[in-house]
């Protein structure tokens, strides 16, 4: 199960945002889609990741003349130095990165930094669960991969 390629379990169509989107617009996307991290893509290339933590951190450290962070752009708040994984990397590699680095999302990019998908710690949990149990233990509906 951990030898599966990331591309077989990743989300191939993640929600993305442009770096020029305002934080206010971003917040609406995050709330309506109920997601906490979104890859930032510009001209087809992955350029960063924006998370709810980035927003909280920026709100905590806003400059004295800022009354709100809502007018800032995603590029002002996003994390640029992001660990990435390739589509052919193994699920076990992603799991090790999640455990070692204590984050829960990895962008999946090709050699040209084009975003191909996203993989989360929950995606790994789902494959482990589905491989271990033939039916759900607590819930009637099944996890879907």
N, C-alpha and C. Protein backbone atom coordinates (compact mmCIF):
# COMPACT_ATOMS: atom_id res chain seq x y z
N UNK A 1 0.81 -1.20 0.00
CA UNK A 1 0.00 0.00 0.00
C UNK A 1 0.85 1.26 0.00
N UNK A 2 1.96 1.27 0.73
CA UNK A 2 2.82 2.46 0.77
C UNK A 2 3.73 2.55 -0.45
N UNK A 3 3.72 1.49 -1.29
CA UNK A 3 4.50 1.54 -2.52
C UNK A 3 3.70 2.09 -3.70
N UNK A 4 2.46 2.43 -3.45
CA UNK A 4 1.66 3.04 -4.52
C UNK A 4 2.24 4.39 -4.89
N UNK A 5 2.16 4.69 -6.18
CA UNK A 5 2.61 6.01 -6.62
C UNK A 5 1.61 7.06 -6.17
N UNK A 6 2.13 8.21 -5.80
CA UNK A 6 1.31 9.32 -5.33
C UNK A 6 0.22 9.65 -6.34
N UNK A 7 0.53 9.57 -7.61
CA UNK A 7 -0.45 9.95 -8.64
C UNK A 7 -1.70 9.08 -8.63
N UNK A 8 -1.63 7.91 -8.02
CA UNK A 8 -2.80 7.03 -7.98
C UNK A 8 -3.75 7.38 -6.85
N UNK A 9 -3.33 8.20 -5.92
CA UNK A 9 -4.20 8.53 -4.78
C UNK A 9 -4.37 10.03 -4.57
N UNK A 10 -3.65 10.87 -5.30
CA UNK A 10 -3.73 12.32 -5.10
C UNK A 10 -5.03 12.87 -5.66
N UNK A 11 -5.36 14.07 -5.23
CA UNK A 11 -6.46 14.84 -5.80
C UNK A 11 -5.91 15.47 -7.08
N UNK A 12 -6.41 15.04 -8.21
CA UNK A 12 -5.89 15.51 -9.50
C UNK A 12 -6.47 16.86 -9.93
N UNK A 13 -7.48 17.33 -9.22
CA UNK A 13 -8.13 18.59 -9.59
C UNK A 13 -8.35 19.47 -8.36
N UNK A 14 -7.25 19.86 -7.71
CA UNK A 14 -7.43 20.68 -6.50
C UNK A 14 -7.86 22.11 -6.85
N UNK A 15 -8.51 22.73 -5.90
CA UNK A 15 -8.83 24.16 -6.02
C UNK A 15 -7.50 24.90 -5.99
N UNK A 16 -7.32 25.84 -6.89
CA UNK A 16 -6.11 26.66 -6.90
C UNK A 16 -6.49 28.14 -6.88
N UNK A 17 -5.54 28.98 -6.51
CA UNK A 17 -5.75 30.43 -6.57
C UNK A 17 -4.55 31.08 -7.22
N UNK A 18 -4.77 32.28 -7.70
CA UNK A 18 -3.72 33.10 -8.31
C UNK A 18 -3.11 33.98 -7.22
N UNK A 19 -1.82 34.29 -7.32
CA UNK A 19 -1.19 35.11 -6.28
C UNK A 19 -1.75 36.52 -6.16
N UNK A 20 -2.46 37.02 -7.18
CA UNK A 20 -3.02 38.37 -7.11
C UNK A 20 -4.41 38.42 -6.49
N UNK A 21 -4.96 37.27 -6.11
CA UNK A 21 -6.25 37.24 -5.43
C UNK A 21 -6.10 37.93 -4.08
N UNK A 22 -7.12 38.66 -3.65
CA UNK A 22 -7.03 39.29 -2.33
C UNK A 22 -7.28 38.25 -1.24
N UNK A 23 -6.78 38.53 -0.06
CA UNK A 23 -6.99 37.63 1.07
C UNK A 23 -8.48 37.54 1.40
N UNK A 24 -9.20 38.63 1.22
CA UNK A 24 -10.65 38.59 1.45
C UNK A 24 -11.33 37.61 0.50
N UNK A 25 -10.97 37.67 -0.79
CA UNK A 25 -11.53 36.73 -1.76
C UNK A 25 -11.10 35.30 -1.45
N UNK A 26 -9.84 35.13 -1.07
CA UNK A 26 -9.32 33.81 -0.69
C UNK A 26 -10.11 33.23 0.47
N UNK A 27 -10.37 34.05 1.47
CA UNK A 27 -11.12 33.58 2.65
C UNK A 27 -12.49 33.05 2.26
N UNK A 28 -13.14 33.71 1.32
CA UNK A 28 -14.45 33.26 0.85
C UNK A 28 -14.34 31.88 0.18
N UNK A 29 -13.29 31.69 -0.61
CA UNK A 29 -13.08 30.41 -1.28
C UNK A 29 -12.84 29.32 -0.23
N UNK A 30 -11.97 29.61 0.73
CA UNK A 30 -11.64 28.62 1.74
C UNK A 30 -12.87 28.24 2.57
N UNK A 31 -13.67 29.22 2.93
CA UNK A 31 -14.87 28.95 3.72
C UNK A 31 -15.92 28.19 2.91
N UNK A 32 -16.16 28.62 1.68
CA UNK A 32 -17.20 27.97 0.88
C UNK A 32 -16.81 26.54 0.50
N UNK A 33 -15.53 26.28 0.28
CA UNK A 33 -15.06 24.95 -0.10
C UNK A 33 -14.66 24.11 1.12
N UNK A 34 -14.63 24.75 2.29
CA UNK A 34 -14.26 24.08 3.54
C UNK A 34 -12.87 23.43 3.44
N UNK A 35 -11.90 24.23 2.96
CA UNK A 35 -10.52 23.75 2.85
C UNK A 35 -9.59 24.70 3.59
N UNK A 36 -8.49 24.16 4.07
CA UNK A 36 -7.56 24.94 4.87
C UNK A 36 -6.24 25.24 4.18
N UNK A 37 -6.03 24.67 3.01
CA UNK A 37 -4.81 24.94 2.27
C UNK A 37 -5.11 24.89 0.78
N UNK A 38 -4.52 25.84 0.05
CA UNK A 38 -4.78 25.93 -1.38
C UNK A 38 -3.45 26.21 -2.10
N UNK A 39 -3.16 25.45 -3.15
CA UNK A 39 -1.96 25.76 -3.93
C UNK A 39 -2.15 27.05 -4.72
N UNK A 40 -1.06 27.78 -4.85
CA UNK A 40 -1.06 29.04 -5.59
C UNK A 40 -0.34 28.78 -6.91
N UNK A 41 -1.03 29.10 -8.01
CA UNK A 41 -0.52 28.80 -9.35
C UNK A 41 -0.54 30.08 -10.18
N UNK A 42 0.58 30.32 -10.88
CA UNK A 42 0.68 31.48 -11.77
C UNK A 42 1.30 31.02 -13.08
N UNK A 43 0.65 31.33 -14.18
CA UNK A 43 1.12 30.93 -15.51
C UNK A 43 1.39 29.42 -15.58
N UNK A 44 0.51 28.65 -14.95
CA UNK A 44 0.61 27.20 -14.99
C UNK A 44 1.64 26.59 -14.06
N UNK A 45 2.36 27.42 -13.32
CA UNK A 45 3.41 26.94 -12.43
C UNK A 45 2.99 27.07 -10.96
N UNK A 46 3.37 26.07 -10.18
CA UNK A 46 3.15 26.14 -8.73
C UNK A 46 4.13 27.16 -8.16
N UNK A 47 3.61 28.16 -7.42
CA UNK A 47 4.47 29.20 -6.86
C UNK A 47 4.40 29.29 -5.34
N UNK A 48 3.44 28.59 -4.74
CA UNK A 48 3.35 28.64 -3.29
C UNK A 48 2.12 27.93 -2.78
N UNK A 49 1.98 27.98 -1.47
CA UNK A 49 0.84 27.37 -0.80
C UNK A 49 0.31 28.38 0.21
N UNK A 50 -0.99 28.53 0.25
CA UNK A 50 -1.62 29.43 1.22
C UNK A 50 -2.47 28.58 2.15
N UNK A 51 -2.30 28.79 3.44
CA UNK A 51 -3.02 27.99 4.43
C UNK A 51 -3.72 28.90 5.43
N UNK A 52 -4.66 28.33 6.15
CA UNK A 52 -5.32 29.10 7.20
C UNK A 52 -4.30 29.55 8.23
N UNK A 53 -3.28 28.74 8.47
CA UNK A 53 -2.22 29.13 9.40
C UNK A 53 -1.48 30.38 8.90
N UNK A 54 -1.22 30.47 7.59
CA UNK A 54 -0.57 31.66 7.04
C UNK A 54 -1.41 32.90 7.32
N UNK A 55 -2.73 32.77 7.19
CA UNK A 55 -3.62 33.90 7.44
C UNK A 55 -3.61 34.30 8.91
N UNK A 56 -3.67 33.31 9.79
CA UNK A 56 -3.65 33.60 11.23
C UNK A 56 -2.33 34.27 11.62
N UNK A 57 -1.23 33.73 11.09
CA UNK A 57 0.09 34.28 11.41
C UNK A 57 0.19 35.73 10.94
N UNK A 58 -0.30 36.01 9.74
CA UNK A 58 -0.23 37.38 9.20
C UNK A 58 -1.13 38.32 10.00
N UNK A 59 -2.30 37.85 10.38
CA UNK A 59 -3.21 38.69 11.18
C UNK A 59 -2.57 39.04 12.52
N UNK A 60 -1.84 38.10 13.08
CA UNK A 60 -1.18 38.31 14.38
C UNK A 60 -0.03 39.31 14.26
N UNK A 61 0.62 39.35 13.09
CA UNK A 61 1.81 40.19 12.91
C UNK A 61 1.58 41.32 11.90
N UNK A 62 0.36 41.76 11.74
CA UNK A 62 0.11 42.84 10.78
C UNK A 62 0.76 44.12 11.28
N UNK A 63 1.10 44.99 10.35
CA UNK A 63 1.74 46.25 10.71
C UNK A 63 0.73 47.19 11.36
N UNK A 64 1.20 48.14 12.15
CA UNK A 64 0.29 49.03 12.88
C UNK A 64 -0.68 49.83 12.00
N UNK A 65 -0.27 50.13 10.76
CA UNK A 65 -1.16 50.91 9.89
C UNK A 65 -2.14 50.04 9.12
N UNK A 66 -2.06 48.72 9.26
CA UNK A 66 -3.03 47.82 8.63
C UNK A 66 -4.22 47.65 9.57
N UNK A 67 -5.40 47.97 9.08
CA UNK A 67 -6.59 47.74 9.89
C UNK A 67 -7.14 46.34 9.64
N UNK A 68 -6.85 45.82 8.47
CA UNK A 68 -7.30 44.47 8.11
C UNK A 68 -6.30 43.87 7.14
N UNK A 69 -6.26 42.56 7.07
CA UNK A 69 -5.38 41.93 6.08
C UNK A 69 -6.15 41.58 4.81
N UNK A 70 -7.45 41.86 4.79
CA UNK A 70 -8.31 41.47 3.68
C UNK A 70 -7.91 42.02 2.33
N UNK A 71 -7.27 43.20 2.31
CA UNK A 71 -6.88 43.80 1.03
C UNK A 71 -5.52 43.34 0.55
N UNK A 72 -4.79 42.62 1.38
CA UNK A 72 -3.51 42.07 0.95
C UNK A 72 -3.75 41.03 -0.13
N UNK A 73 -2.73 40.78 -0.91
CA UNK A 73 -2.80 39.76 -1.95
C UNK A 73 -2.28 38.43 -1.39
N UNK A 74 -2.71 37.35 -2.02
CA UNK A 74 -2.24 36.02 -1.63
C UNK A 74 -0.72 35.99 -1.64
N UNK A 75 -0.08 36.63 -2.62
CA UNK A 75 1.38 36.62 -2.72
C UNK A 75 2.05 37.24 -1.50
N UNK A 76 1.34 38.12 -0.78
CA UNK A 76 1.90 38.77 0.40
C UNK A 76 1.89 37.85 1.63
N UNK A 77 1.10 36.79 1.57
CA UNK A 77 0.87 35.96 2.75
C UNK A 77 1.29 34.51 2.54
N UNK A 78 1.32 34.05 1.31
CA UNK A 78 1.57 32.63 1.01
C UNK A 78 2.97 32.19 1.43
N UNK A 79 3.12 30.90 1.58
CA UNK A 79 4.42 30.29 1.82
C UNK A 79 5.02 29.91 0.48
N UNK A 80 6.22 30.39 0.22
CA UNK A 80 6.86 30.14 -1.07
C UNK A 80 7.78 28.91 -1.02
N UNK A 81 8.44 28.72 0.09
CA UNK A 81 9.39 27.62 0.22
C UNK A 81 8.63 26.39 0.72
N UNK A 82 8.10 25.63 -0.23
CA UNK A 82 7.22 24.51 0.08
C UNK A 82 7.87 23.20 -0.37
N UNK A 83 7.83 22.21 0.48
CA UNK A 83 8.29 20.88 0.08
C UNK A 83 7.27 20.30 -0.88
N UNK A 84 7.75 19.78 -2.00
CA UNK A 84 6.88 19.22 -3.04
C UNK A 84 7.24 17.76 -3.26
N UNK A 85 6.38 17.07 -3.94
CA UNK A 85 6.58 15.66 -4.23
C UNK A 85 6.20 15.45 -5.70
N UNK A 86 6.76 14.41 -6.32
CA UNK A 86 6.44 14.16 -7.73
C UNK A 86 5.35 13.09 -7.84
N UNK A 87 4.67 13.05 -8.97
CA UNK A 87 3.61 12.06 -9.16
C UNK A 87 4.09 10.62 -9.03
N UNK A 88 5.35 10.35 -9.33
CA UNK A 88 5.87 8.99 -9.28
C UNK A 88 6.45 8.62 -7.91
N UNK A 89 6.55 9.58 -7.00
CA UNK A 89 7.00 9.26 -5.64
C UNK A 89 5.99 8.33 -4.98
N UNK A 90 6.44 7.61 -3.99
CA UNK A 90 5.60 6.62 -3.31
C UNK A 90 4.79 7.24 -2.18
N UNK A 91 3.65 6.64 -1.90
CA UNK A 91 2.79 7.08 -0.79
C UNK A 91 3.56 7.05 0.52
N UNK A 92 4.46 6.09 0.67
CA UNK A 92 5.27 5.99 1.87
C UNK A 92 6.18 7.20 2.06
N UNK A 93 6.67 7.75 0.96
CA UNK A 93 7.49 8.96 1.03
C UNK A 93 6.65 10.12 1.53
N UNK A 94 5.44 10.25 1.01
CA UNK A 94 4.54 11.30 1.48
C UNK A 94 4.23 11.12 2.96
N UNK A 95 3.95 9.89 3.37
CA UNK A 95 3.63 9.61 4.77
C UNK A 95 4.80 9.98 5.67
N UNK A 96 6.01 9.66 5.23
CA UNK A 96 7.19 9.99 6.03
C UNK A 96 7.36 11.50 6.15
N UNK A 97 7.14 12.22 5.05
CA UNK A 97 7.22 13.68 5.10
C UNK A 97 6.16 14.26 6.03
N UNK A 98 4.95 13.73 5.98
CA UNK A 98 3.89 14.21 6.87
C UNK A 98 4.28 14.01 8.33
N UNK A 99 4.80 12.84 8.64
CA UNK A 99 5.16 12.53 10.02
C UNK A 99 6.38 13.33 10.48
N UNK A 100 7.38 13.44 9.61
CA UNK A 100 8.62 14.10 9.98
C UNK A 100 8.47 15.61 10.06
N UNK A 101 7.77 16.19 9.10
CA UNK A 101 7.65 17.65 9.02
C UNK A 101 6.41 18.20 9.71
N UNK A 102 5.52 17.31 10.09
CA UNK A 102 4.30 17.67 10.82
C UNK A 102 3.40 18.65 10.06
N UNK A 103 3.29 18.45 8.76
CA UNK A 103 2.29 19.17 8.00
C UNK A 103 1.39 18.16 7.33
N UNK A 104 0.33 18.63 6.68
CA UNK A 104 -0.68 17.68 6.22
C UNK A 104 -1.01 17.74 4.74
N UNK A 105 -0.29 18.56 3.98
CA UNK A 105 -0.57 18.68 2.56
C UNK A 105 0.73 18.80 1.78
N UNK A 106 0.80 18.10 0.66
CA UNK A 106 1.94 18.21 -0.24
C UNK A 106 1.46 18.48 -1.67
N UNK A 107 2.00 19.51 -2.30
CA UNK A 107 1.72 19.71 -3.71
C UNK A 107 2.47 18.66 -4.52
N UNK A 108 1.83 18.17 -5.56
CA UNK A 108 2.44 17.19 -6.45
C UNK A 108 2.74 17.92 -7.76
N UNK A 109 4.02 18.02 -8.10
CA UNK A 109 4.44 18.79 -9.28
C UNK A 109 5.35 17.95 -10.16
N UNK A 110 5.39 18.30 -11.45
CA UNK A 110 6.32 17.64 -12.36
C UNK A 110 7.65 18.40 -12.36
N UNK A 111 8.57 18.01 -13.22
CA UNK A 111 9.89 18.63 -13.26
C UNK A 111 9.86 20.10 -13.69
N UNK A 112 8.76 20.52 -14.32
CA UNK A 112 8.61 21.92 -14.75
C UNK A 112 7.83 22.75 -13.73
N UNK A 113 7.64 22.20 -12.53
CA UNK A 113 6.88 22.85 -11.45
C UNK A 113 5.41 23.10 -11.80
N UNK A 114 4.88 22.32 -12.73
CA UNK A 114 3.46 22.40 -13.03
C UNK A 114 2.72 21.56 -12.00
N UNK A 115 1.69 22.13 -11.41
CA UNK A 115 0.92 21.42 -10.40
C UNK A 115 0.12 20.30 -11.05
N UNK A 116 0.30 19.09 -10.57
CA UNK A 116 -0.41 17.93 -11.07
C UNK A 116 -1.47 17.44 -10.10
N UNK A 117 -1.37 17.88 -8.85
CA UNK A 117 -2.34 17.46 -7.86
C UNK A 117 -1.88 17.82 -6.46
N UNK A 118 -2.65 17.33 -5.50
CA UNK A 118 -2.32 17.52 -4.08
C UNK A 118 -2.57 16.19 -3.37
N UNK A 119 -1.72 15.91 -2.39
CA UNK A 119 -1.93 14.74 -1.56
C UNK A 119 -1.93 15.20 -0.11
N UNK A 120 -2.83 14.62 0.67
CA UNK A 120 -2.95 15.00 2.08
C UNK A 120 -2.69 13.79 2.97
N UNK A 121 -2.46 14.08 4.22
CA UNK A 121 -2.30 12.99 5.19
C UNK A 121 -3.57 12.15 5.24
N UNK A 122 -4.72 12.78 5.06
CA UNK A 122 -5.97 12.03 5.06
C UNK A 122 -6.05 11.05 3.90
N UNK A 123 -5.47 11.42 2.74
CA UNK A 123 -5.42 10.48 1.61
C UNK A 123 -4.66 9.22 1.99
N UNK A 124 -3.57 9.38 2.73
CA UNK A 124 -2.78 8.23 3.19
C UNK A 124 -3.59 7.40 4.18
N UNK A 125 -4.24 8.07 5.12
CA UNK A 125 -5.07 7.36 6.10
C UNK A 125 -6.14 6.53 5.39
N UNK A 126 -6.78 7.10 4.36
CA UNK A 126 -7.82 6.39 3.63
C UNK A 126 -7.29 5.12 2.98
N UNK A 127 -6.11 5.18 2.33
CA UNK A 127 -5.62 3.97 1.67
C UNK A 127 -5.22 2.91 2.68
N UNK A 128 -4.65 3.32 3.80
CA UNK A 128 -4.27 2.36 4.83
C UNK A 128 -5.54 1.71 5.40
N UNK A 129 -6.55 2.51 5.69
CA UNK A 129 -7.80 1.99 6.23
C UNK A 129 -8.45 1.03 5.25
N UNK A 130 -8.58 1.44 4.00
CA UNK A 130 -9.26 0.60 3.00
C UNK A 130 -8.50 -0.68 2.72
N UNK A 131 -7.18 -0.66 2.82
CA UNK A 131 -6.40 -1.88 2.63
C UNK A 131 -6.52 -2.82 3.83
N UNK A 132 -6.69 -2.26 5.00
CA UNK A 132 -6.73 -3.06 6.23
C UNK A 132 -8.11 -3.64 6.52
N UNK A 133 -9.15 -2.88 6.23
CA UNK A 133 -10.50 -3.30 6.59
C UNK A 133 -11.37 -3.46 5.34
N UNK A 134 -12.07 -4.56 5.28
CA UNK A 134 -12.93 -4.80 4.13
C UNK A 134 -14.23 -4.01 4.23
N UNK A 135 -14.61 -3.64 5.45
CA UNK A 135 -15.79 -2.78 5.63
C UNK A 135 -15.53 -1.83 6.78
N UNK A 136 -16.32 -0.76 6.82
CA UNK A 136 -16.13 0.25 7.85
C UNK A 136 -16.43 -0.30 9.23
N UNK A 137 -15.78 0.27 10.22
CA UNK A 137 -15.95 -0.16 11.59
C UNK A 137 -17.06 0.63 12.28
N UNK A 138 -17.05 1.94 12.11
CA UNK A 138 -17.98 2.79 12.85
C UNK A 138 -19.08 3.42 11.99
N UNK A 139 -18.82 3.60 10.73
CA UNK A 139 -19.73 4.35 9.89
C UNK A 139 -20.33 3.48 8.80
N UNK A 140 -21.52 3.84 8.38
CA UNK A 140 -22.18 3.07 7.32
C UNK A 140 -21.60 3.37 5.95
N UNK A 141 -21.32 4.63 5.68
CA UNK A 141 -20.76 4.96 4.37
C UNK A 141 -19.28 4.63 4.34
N UNK A 142 -18.78 4.34 3.16
CA UNK A 142 -17.39 3.92 3.02
C UNK A 142 -16.53 5.11 2.62
N UNK A 143 -15.27 5.03 3.05
CA UNK A 143 -14.30 6.00 2.55
C UNK A 143 -14.12 5.73 1.07
N UNK A 144 -13.97 6.78 0.29
CA UNK A 144 -13.69 6.59 -1.13
C UNK A 144 -12.34 7.18 -1.44
N UNK A 145 -11.64 6.50 -2.28
CA UNK A 145 -10.30 6.96 -2.66
C UNK A 145 -10.36 7.57 -4.02
